[in-house]
């Protein structure tokens, strides 16, 4: 189901975007935008200013959740990087 939020741009579940992380949430999730639509990037330790390929997993009226796509490396526990190949 597509949602629009005063921007004319729609966000749909399953859509993949190249998204710049503008901020970090209280739980460490990355926060990006599609127009004015806020997208929280879950389960990811992202860096502000970097661009990541993300897939939208859940859409609400004014925000959405997404997860990283194609990540072969992931932060764990103490901030160590692990390679998943």
Protein backbone atom coordinates (compact mmCIF):
# COMPACT_ATOMS: atom_id res chain seq x y z
CA UNK A 1 0.00 0.00 0.00
CA UNK A 2 1.50 3.35 -1.05
CA UNK A 3 1.48 6.29 1.29
CA UNK A 4 1.95 9.97 0.43
CA UNK A 5 2.83 12.71 2.87
CA UNK A 6 2.37 16.20 1.43
CA UNK A 7 5.23 15.69 -1.03
CA UNK A 8 3.67 13.95 -4.00
CA UNK A 9 6.22 11.15 -3.51
CA UNK A 10 4.82 7.78 -2.54
CA UNK A 11 6.55 5.17 -0.40
CA UNK A 12 5.61 1.52 -0.88
CA UNK A 13 6.55 -1.64 0.99
CA UNK A 14 9.19 -3.64 -0.87
CA UNK A 15 10.64 -0.61 -2.68
CA UNK A 16 14.44 -0.25 -2.62
CA UNK A 17 15.99 3.21 -2.23
CA UNK A 18 19.50 4.65 -2.05
CA UNK A 19 19.03 6.64 1.15
CA UNK A 20 21.25 9.14 2.92
CA UNK A 21 21.22 8.86 6.72
CA UNK A 22 20.41 12.31 8.12
CA UNK A 23 20.28 11.44 11.84
CA UNK A 24 20.37 8.64 14.40
CA UNK A 25 17.38 7.52 16.45
CA UNK A 26 17.36 6.88 20.19
CA UNK A 27 17.74 3.13 19.58
CA UNK A 28 20.63 3.56 17.12
CA UNK A 29 18.57 3.21 13.95
CA UNK A 30 19.41 5.40 10.98
CA UNK A 31 16.91 8.07 9.98
CA UNK A 32 16.53 9.10 6.34
CA UNK A 33 13.87 10.70 4.18
CA UNK A 34 12.02 10.24 0.91
CA UNK A 35 10.90 13.81 0.30
CA UNK A 36 9.41 14.78 3.67
CA UNK A 37 8.51 11.14 4.48
CA UNK A 38 10.65 9.87 7.41
CA UNK A 39 12.20 6.39 7.10
CA UNK A 40 13.74 4.56 10.07
CA UNK A 41 16.43 2.05 9.04
CA UNK A 42 16.10 -0.80 11.56
CA UNK A 43 18.68 -3.33 12.70
CA UNK A 44 21.54 -1.28 11.35
CA UNK A 45 24.39 0.69 12.81
CA UNK A 46 24.62 3.40 10.18
CA UNK A 47 26.77 6.50 9.95
CA UNK A 48 25.25 9.95 9.50
CA UNK A 49 25.96 11.30 6.02
CA UNK A 50 26.51 7.90 4.38
CA UNK A 51 24.22 6.56 1.66
CA UNK A 52 22.85 3.02 1.98
CA UNK A 53 20.67 0.79 -0.17
CA UNK A 54 17.54 0.06 1.89
CA UNK A 55 14.31 -1.84 1.36
CA UNK A 56 11.07 -0.49 2.88
CA UNK A 57 9.48 -3.16 5.09
CA UNK A 58 6.51 -1.37 6.73
CA UNK A 59 4.69 1.85 5.83
CA UNK A 60 2.56 3.98 8.15
CA UNK A 61 0.76 7.28 7.49
CA UNK A 62 3.73 9.60 8.17
CA UNK A 63 6.76 7.30 8.44
CA UNK A 64 8.15 3.95 7.34
CA UNK A 65 10.62 1.29 8.45
CA UNK A 66 13.35 -0.11 6.22
CA UNK A 67 16.25 -2.55 6.45
CA UNK A 68 19.67 -2.53 4.82
CA UNK A 69 19.99 -4.44 1.56
CA UNK A 70 23.02 -6.35 0.35
CA UNK A 71 24.99 -5.73 3.54
CA UNK A 72 27.70 -8.36 3.87
CA UNK A 73 29.09 -6.68 6.98
CA UNK A 74 27.12 -5.95 10.11
CA UNK A 75 27.88 -4.36 13.47
CA UNK A 76 27.42 -6.55 16.53
CA UNK A 77 27.41 -6.00 20.29
CA UNK A 78 30.47 -3.93 21.08
CA UNK A 79 30.60 -2.30 17.63
CA UNK A 80 32.80 -4.95 16.02
CA UNK A 81 32.31 -5.64 12.32
CA UNK A 82 31.62 -9.17 11.13
CA UNK A 83 31.65 -10.33 7.51
CA UNK A 84 28.71 -12.50 6.43
CA UNK A 85 29.60 -14.18 3.13
